[in-house]
Amino acid sequence: MSKRKPPGPEAFGKLLAWLDPDRDKGAEKYHKIHLRLVRVFAAKGCAEAEDLADETLNVVASRIDWLVENYIGDPALYFYGVARHIYQEWLKSKRPLPTPLPLPDNTEIEERCDCLERCLKKVITSEEAQMVVRYHEGDGQARIANRKKMAEELGISLNALRIRICHIQARLRPCVEECMRERGR
């Protein structure tokens, strides 16, 4: 997250005037907003709550000329909106970059597919094999629609179809695992 420089005396004076025409009341509102921002950031578990509150105030001060001309409403609400964005920036800067997953070993995938094909022929009936293959066809909405159609064709509920497939897969799994062990995987 980038640090923005604090406002100069002129911008700070405009900010206080924007908060309240009476400079003392403006300073009081500024102080209250700062305290609220610190509390909000601290409540979100931010160890740098003071710094983020200062950063929020600096961002608002840097936009004071535009705000004086264009912003209508409670100035405190504008501060809280900016604070939300500052917090999101802070979160992004604190997240570690994900480590890329290793590429799968194609030979292992091919061996697993070979074992599955062998077990589809060996352990279950051809109708059950067709059902399992069809159950896993498609992606996203197409897969969902396919499964609904299968259940309708079989005259069973979608849940009953899931259970049936689960039982078939439970019979297939030991065969595939044994085949992979035989191949040293």
C-alpha atoms as a PDB file:
ATOM      1  CA  MET A   1       0.000   0.000   0.000  1.00  0.00           C
ATOM      2  CA  SER A   2       1.387   3.396  -0.920  1.00  0.00           C
ATOM      3  CA  LYS A   3       1.783   6.102   1.684  1.00  0.00           C
ATOM      4  CA  ARG A   4       0.254   9.423   0.711  1.00  0.00           C
ATOM      5  CA  LYS A   5       1.775  12.612   1.983  1.00  0.00           C
ATOM      6  CA  PRO A   6      -0.078  14.578   4.664  1.00  0.00           C
ATOM      7  CA  PRO A   7      -2.011  17.652   3.567  1.00  0.00           C
ATOM      8  CA  GLY A   8      -0.343  21.005   3.561  1.00  0.00           C
ATOM      9  CA  PRO A   9      -1.614  23.785   5.850  1.00  0.00           C
ATOM     10  CA  GLU A  10      -3.918  25.193   3.167  1.00  0.00           C
ATOM     11  CA  ALA A  11      -5.542  21.830   2.369  1.00  0.00           C
ATOM     12  CA  PHE A  12      -5.836  21.041   6.074  1.00  0.00           C
ATOM     13  CA  GLY A  13      -7.551  24.380   6.701  1.00  0.00           C
ATOM     14  CA  LYS A  14     -10.007  23.698   3.843  1.00  0.00           C
ATOM     15  CA  LEU A  15     -10.665  20.229   5.274  1.00  0.00           C
ATOM     16  CA  LEU A  16     -11.524  21.640   8.702  1.00  0.00           C
ATOM     17  CA  ALA A  17     -13.756  24.290   7.072  1.00  0.00           C
ATOM     18  CA  TRP A  18     -15.495  21.550   5.065  1.00  0.00           C
ATOM     19  CA  LEU A  19     -16.198  19.664   8.273  1.00  0.00           C
ATOM     20  CA  ASP A  20     -17.577  22.784  10.002  1.00  0.00           C
ATOM     21  CA  PRO A  21     -17.416  26.520   9.273  1.00  0.00           C
ATOM     22  CA  ASP A  22     -16.240  27.052  12.884  1.00  0.00           C
ATOM     23  CA  ARG A  23     -12.558  26.010  12.822  1.00  0.00           C
ATOM     24  CA  ASP A  24     -12.622  24.657  16.397  1.00  0.00           C
ATOM     25  CA  LYS A  25     -15.715  22.548  15.721  1.00  0.00           C
ATOM     26  CA  GLY A  26     -14.141  21.357  12.474  1.00  0.00           C
ATOM     27  CA  ALA A  27     -11.013  20.300  14.389  1.00  0.00           C
ATOM     28  CA  GLU A  28     -13.188  18.498  16.940  1.00  0.00           C
ATOM     29  CA  LYS A  29     -15.047  16.623  14.167  1.00  0.00           C
ATOM     30  CA  TYR A  30     -11.722  15.780  12.512  1.00  0.00           C
ATOM     31  CA  HIS A  31     -10.439  14.315  15.778  1.00  0.00           C
ATOM     32  CA  LYS A  32     -13.660  12.295  16.318  1.00  0.00           C
ATOM     33  CA  ILE A  33     -13.528  10.908  12.786  1.00  0.00           C
ATOM     34  CA  HIS A  34      -9.888   9.944  13.283  1.00  0.00           C
ATOM     35  CA  LEU A  35     -10.720   8.112  16.535  1.00  0.00           C
ATOM     36  CA  ARG A  36     -13.646   6.287  14.895  1.00  0.00           C
ATOM     37  CA  LEU A  37     -11.447   5.236  11.982  1.00  0.00           C
ATOM     38  CA  VAL A  38      -8.810   3.875  14.364  1.00  0.00           C
ATOM     39  CA  ARG A  39     -11.512   1.896  16.197  1.00  0.00           C
ATOM     40  CA  VAL A  40     -12.959   0.541  12.944  1.00  0.00           C
ATOM     41  CA  PHE A  41      -9.565  -0.595  11.652  1.00  0.00           C
ATOM     42  CA  ALA A  42      -8.641  -2.093  15.033  1.00  0.00           C
ATOM     43  CA  ALA A  43     -11.969  -3.950  15.198  1.00  0.00           C
ATOM     44  CA  LYS A  44     -11.133  -5.510  11.836  1.00  0.00           C
ATOM     45  CA  GLY A  45      -7.904  -6.863  13.320  1.00  0.00           C
ATOM     46  CA  CYS A  46      -5.600  -4.325  11.731  1.00  0.00           C
ATOM     47  CA  ALA A  47      -2.391  -3.871  13.724  1.00  0.00           C
ATOM     48  CA  GLU A  48      -1.693  -0.663  11.800  1.00  0.00           C
ATOM     49  CA  ALA A  49      -5.013   1.016  12.653  1.00  0.00           C
ATOM     50  CA  GLU A  50      -3.483   4.439  13.381  1.00  0.00           C
ATOM     51  CA  ASP A  51      -1.507   4.433  10.137  1.00  0.00           C
ATOM     52  CA  LEU A  52      -4.555   3.453   8.087  1.00  0.00           C
ATOM     53  CA  ALA A  53      -6.651   6.134   9.763  1.00  0.00           C
ATOM     54  CA  ASP A  54      -3.952   8.699   8.929  1.00  0.00           C
ATOM     55  CA  GLU A  55      -3.811   7.393   5.376  1.00  0.00           C
ATOM     56  CA  THR A  56      -7.592   7.774   5.058  1.00  0.00           C
ATOM     57  CA  LEU A  57      -7.447  11.356   6.283  1.00  0.00           C
ATOM     58  CA  ASN A  58      -4.605  12.125   3.857  1.00  0.00           C
ATOM     59  CA  VAL A  59      -6.586  10.750   0.912  1.00  0.00           C
ATOM     60  CA  VAL A  60      -9.637  12.820   1.801  1.00  0.00           C
ATOM     61  CA  ALA A  61      -7.487  15.922   2.299  1.00  0.00           C
ATOM     62  CA  SER A  62      -5.885  15.401  -1.117  1.00  0.00           C
ATOM     63  CA  ARG A  63      -9.380  15.607  -2.663  1.00  0.00           C
ATOM     64  CA  ILE A  64     -10.626  18.552  -0.610  1.00  0.00           C
ATOM     65  CA  ASP A  65     -11.023  20.999  -3.505  1.00  0.00           C
ATOM     66  CA  TRP A  66     -13.262  18.549  -5.376  1.00  0.00           C
ATOM     67  CA  LEU A  67     -15.170  17.678  -2.175  1.00  0.00           C
ATOM     68  CA  VAL A  68     -15.904  21.318  -1.309  1.00  0.00           C
ATOM     69  CA  GLU A  69     -17.372  21.858  -4.780  1.00  0.00           C
ATOM     70  CA  ASN A  70     -19.183  18.561  -5.327  1.00  0.00           C
ATOM     71  CA  TYR A  71     -19.824  16.472  -2.220  1.00  0.00           C
ATOM     72  CA  ILE A  72     -23.255  16.715  -0.626  1.00  0.00           C
ATOM     73  CA  GLY A  73     -24.001  14.952   2.639  1.00  0.00           C
ATOM     74  CA  ASP A  74     -22.317  14.086   5.886  1.00  0.00           C
ATOM     75  CA  PRO A  75     -18.543  14.394   5.406  1.00  0.00           C
ATOM     76  CA  ALA A  76     -17.933  11.592   7.934  1.00  0.00           C
ATOM     77  CA  LEU A  77     -19.622   9.146   5.556  1.00  0.00           C
ATOM     78  CA  TYR A  78     -17.152  10.058   2.834  1.00  0.00           C
ATOM     79  CA  PHE A  79     -14.272   9.321   5.213  1.00  0.00           C
ATOM     80  CA  TYR A  80     -15.744   5.883   5.991  1.00  0.00           C
ATOM     81  CA  GLY A  81     -16.091   5.080   2.299  1.00  0.00           C
ATOM     82  CA  VAL A  82     -12.460   5.979   1.688  1.00  0.00           C
ATOM     83  CA  ALA A  83     -11.485   3.955   4.777  1.00  0.00           C
ATOM     84  CA  ARG A  84     -13.165   0.884   3.289  1.00  0.00           C
ATOM     85  CA  HIS A  85     -10.991   1.202   0.171  1.00  0.00           C
ATOM     86  CA  ILE A  86      -7.845   1.832   2.237  1.00  0.00           C
ATOM     87  CA  TYR A  87      -8.595  -1.308   4.261  1.00  0.00           C
ATOM     88  CA  GLN A  88      -9.032  -3.357   1.068  1.00  0.00           C
ATOM     89  CA  GLU A  89      -5.657  -2.093  -0.201  1.00  0.00           C
ATOM     90  CA  TRP A  90      -4.082  -3.015   3.123  1.00  0.00           C
ATOM     91  CA  LEU A  91      -5.592  -6.511   2.999  1.00  0.00           C
ATOM     92  CA  LYS A  92      -4.218  -7.082  -0.500  1.00  0.00           C
ATOM     93  CA  SER A  93      -0.744  -5.991   0.579  1.00  0.00           C
ATOM     94  CA  LYS A  94      -0.802  -8.423   3.523  1.00  0.00           C
ATOM     95  CA  ARG A  95      -1.914 -11.523   1.618  1.00  0.00           C
ATOM     96  CA  PRO A  96       0.909 -13.819   0.590  1.00  0.00           C
ATOM     97  CA  LEU A  97       1.058 -14.646  -3.078  1.00  0.00           C
ATOM     98  CA  PRO A  98      -0.268 -18.133  -3.755  1.00  0.00           C
ATOM     99  CA  THR A  99       2.330 -20.683  -4.774  1.00  0.00           C
ATOM    100  CA  PRO A 100       1.531 -22.271  -8.111  1.00  0.00           C
ATOM    101  CA  LEU A 101       0.396 -25.869  -7.993  1.00  0.00           C
ATOM    102  CA  PRO A 102       2.792 -28.371  -9.503  1.00  0.00           C
ATOM    103  CA  LEU A 103       1.833 -29.592 -12.954  1.00  0.00           C
ATOM    104  CA  PRO A 104       0.238 -33.021 -12.874  1.00  0.00           C
ATOM    105  CA  ASP A 105       2.266 -35.973 -14.053  1.00  0.00           C
ATOM    106  CA  ASN A 106       0.563 -36.974 -17.324  1.00  0.00           C
ATOM    107  CA  THR A 107       1.797 -40.546 -17.093  1.00  0.00           C
ATOM    108  CA  GLU A 108       0.048 -40.977 -13.746  1.00  0.00           C
ATOM    109  CA  ILE A 109      -3.162 -39.511 -15.159  1.00  0.00           C
ATOM    110  CA  GLU A 110      -2.956 -41.833 -18.171  1.00  0.00           C
ATOM    111  CA  GLU A 111      -2.325 -44.829 -15.919  1.00  0.00           C
ATOM    112  CA  ARG A 112      -5.271 -43.889 -13.704  1.00  0.00           C
ATOM    113  CA  CYS A 113      -7.509 -43.589 -16.798  1.00  0.00           C
ATOM    114  CA  ASP A 114      -6.318 -46.984 -18.030  1.00  0.00           C
ATOM    115  CA  CYS A 115      -7.089 -48.505 -14.623  1.00  0.00           C
ATOM    116  CA  LEU A 116     -10.516 -46.883 -14.594  1.00  0.00           C
ATOM    117  CA  GLU A 117     -11.340 -48.206 -18.056  1.00  0.00           C
ATOM    118  CA  ARG A 118     -10.207 -51.686 -17.031  1.00  0.00           C
ATOM    119  CA  CYS A 119     -12.298 -51.563 -13.857  1.00  0.00           C
ATOM    120  CA  LEU A 120     -15.356 -50.222 -15.678  1.00  0.00           C
ATOM    121  CA  LYS A 121     -15.308 -53.434 -17.743  1.00  0.00           C
ATOM    122  CA  LYS A 122     -14.316 -55.745 -14.897  1.00  0.00           C
ATOM    123  CA  VAL A 123     -16.298 -54.683 -11.805  1.00  0.00           C
ATOM    124  CA  ILE A 124     -19.607 -53.255 -13.010  1.00  0.00           C
ATOM    125  CA  THR A 125     -22.110 -53.961 -15.766  1.00  0.00           C
ATOM    126  CA  SER A 126     -21.937 -52.124 -19.077  1.00  0.00           C
ATOM    127  CA  GLU A 127     -25.175 -50.267 -18.196  1.00  0.00           C
ATOM    128  CA  GLU A 128     -23.649 -49.091 -14.905  1.00  0.00           C
ATOM    129  CA  ALA A 129     -20.459 -48.067 -16.718  1.00  0.00           C
ATOM    130  CA  GLN A 130     -22.460 -46.008 -19.230  1.00  0.00           C
ATOM    131  CA  MET A 131     -24.385 -44.433 -16.340  1.00  0.00           C
ATOM    132  CA  VAL A 132     -21.182 -43.400 -14.504  1.00  0.00           C
ATOM    133  CA  VAL A 133     -19.608 -41.971 -17.649  1.00  0.00           C
ATOM    134  CA  ARG A 134     -22.783 -40.085 -18.570  1.00  0.00           C
ATOM    135  CA  TYR A 135     -23.191 -38.804 -14.985  1.00  0.00           C
ATOM    136  CA  HIS A 136     -19.815 -37.037 -15.215  1.00  0.00           C
ATOM    137  CA  GLU A 137     -20.249 -35.588 -18.716  1.00  0.00           C
ATOM    138  CA  GLY A 138     -20.382 -31.848 -19.306  1.00  0.00           C
ATOM    139  CA  ASP A 139     -19.513 -28.831 -17.204  1.00  0.00           C
ATOM    140  CA  GLY A 140     -21.518 -26.477 -15.030  1.00  0.00           C
ATOM    141  CA  GLN A 141     -25.152 -26.054 -16.032  1.00  0.00           C
ATOM    142  CA  ALA A 142     -24.862 -28.656 -18.803  1.00  0.00           C
ATOM    143  CA  ARG A 143     -23.780 -31.270 -16.253  1.00  0.00           C
ATOM    144  CA  ILE A 144     -26.663 -30.358 -13.936  1.00  0.00           C
ATOM    145  CA  ALA A 145     -29.199 -30.552 -16.778  1.00  0.00           C
ATOM    146  CA  ASN A 146     -27.717 -33.872 -17.880  1.00  0.00           C
ATOM    147  CA  ARG A 147     -28.105 -35.341 -14.382  1.00  0.00           C
ATOM    148  CA  LYS A 148     -31.707 -34.147 -14.102  1.00  0.00           C
ATOM    149  CA  LYS A 149     -32.486 -35.743 -17.466  1.00  0.00           C
ATOM    150  CA  MET A 150     -30.850 -39.014 -16.377  1.00  0.00           C
ATOM    151  CA  ALA A 151     -32.921 -39.099 -13.190  1.00  0.00           C
ATOM    152  CA  GLU A 152     -36.120 -38.461 -15.178  1.00  0.00           C
ATOM    153  CA  GLU A 153     -35.258 -41.207 -17.677  1.00  0.00           C
ATOM    154  CA  LEU A 154     -34.635 -43.668 -14.835  1.00  0.00           C
ATOM    155  CA  GLY A 155     -37.813 -42.550 -13.048  1.00  0.00           C
ATOM    156  CA  ILE A 156     -35.938 -41.708  -9.846  1.00  0.00           C
ATOM    157  CA  SER A 157     -35.167 -38.538  -7.914  1.00  0.00           C
ATOM    158  CA  LEU A 158     -31.913 -36.665  -8.394  1.00  0.00           C
ATOM    159  CA  ASN A 159     -30.872 -37.693  -4.892  1.00  0.00           C
ATOM    160  CA  ALA A 160     -31.574 -41.362  -5.650  1.00  0.00           C
ATOM    161  CA  LEU A 161     -29.384 -41.021  -8.772  1.00  0.00           C
ATOM    162  CA  ARG A 162     -26.547 -39.555  -6.684  1.00  0.00           C
ATOM    163  CA  ILE A 163     -26.820 -42.440  -4.239  1.00  0.00           C
ATOM    164  CA  ARG A 164     -26.816 -45.002  -7.043  1.00  0.00           C
ATOM    165  CA  ILE A 165     -23.702 -43.438  -8.610  1.00  0.00           C
ATOM    166  CA  CYS A 166     -22.037 -43.284  -5.194  1.00  0.00           C
ATOM    167  CA  HIS A 167     -22.606 -47.034  -4.694  1.00  0.00           C
ATOM    168  CA  ILE A 168     -21.205 -47.825  -8.137  1.00  0.00           C
ATOM    169  CA  GLN A 169     -18.150 -45.633  -7.498  1.00  0.00           C
ATOM    170  CA  ALA A 170     -17.647 -47.344  -4.129  1.00  0.00           C
ATOM    171  CA  ARG A 171     -17.329 -50.642  -6.017  1.00  0.00           C
ATOM    172  CA  LEU A 172     -14.992 -49.127  -8.623  1.00  0.00           C
ATOM    173  CA  ARG A 173     -12.635 -47.306  -6.250  1.00  0.00           C
ATOM    174  CA  PRO A 174     -10.936 -50.397  -4.696  1.00  0.00           C
ATOM    175  CA  CYS A 175     -10.337 -51.845  -8.168  1.00  0.00           C
ATOM    176  CA  VAL A 176      -8.732 -48.617  -9.443  1.00  0.00           C
ATOM    177  CA  GLU A 177      -6.587 -48.293  -6.308  1.00  0.00           C
ATOM    178  CA  GLU A 178      -5.408 -51.912  -6.588  1.00  0.00           C
ATOM    179  CA  CYS A 179      -4.569 -51.409 -10.277  1.00  0.00           C
ATOM    180  CA  MET A 180      -2.531 -48.291  -9.424  1.00  0.00           C
ATOM    181  CA  ARG A 181      -0.662 -50.169  -6.669  1.00  0.00           C
ATOM    182  CA  GLU A 182       0.200 -52.890  -9.174  1.00  0.00           C
ATOM    183  CA  ARG A 183       1.707 -50.211 -11.399  1.00  0.00           C
ATOM    184  CA  GLY A 184       3.739 -48.832  -8.509  1.00  0.00           C
ATOM    185  CA  ARG A 185       1.707 -45.643  -8.016  1.00  0.00           C
END
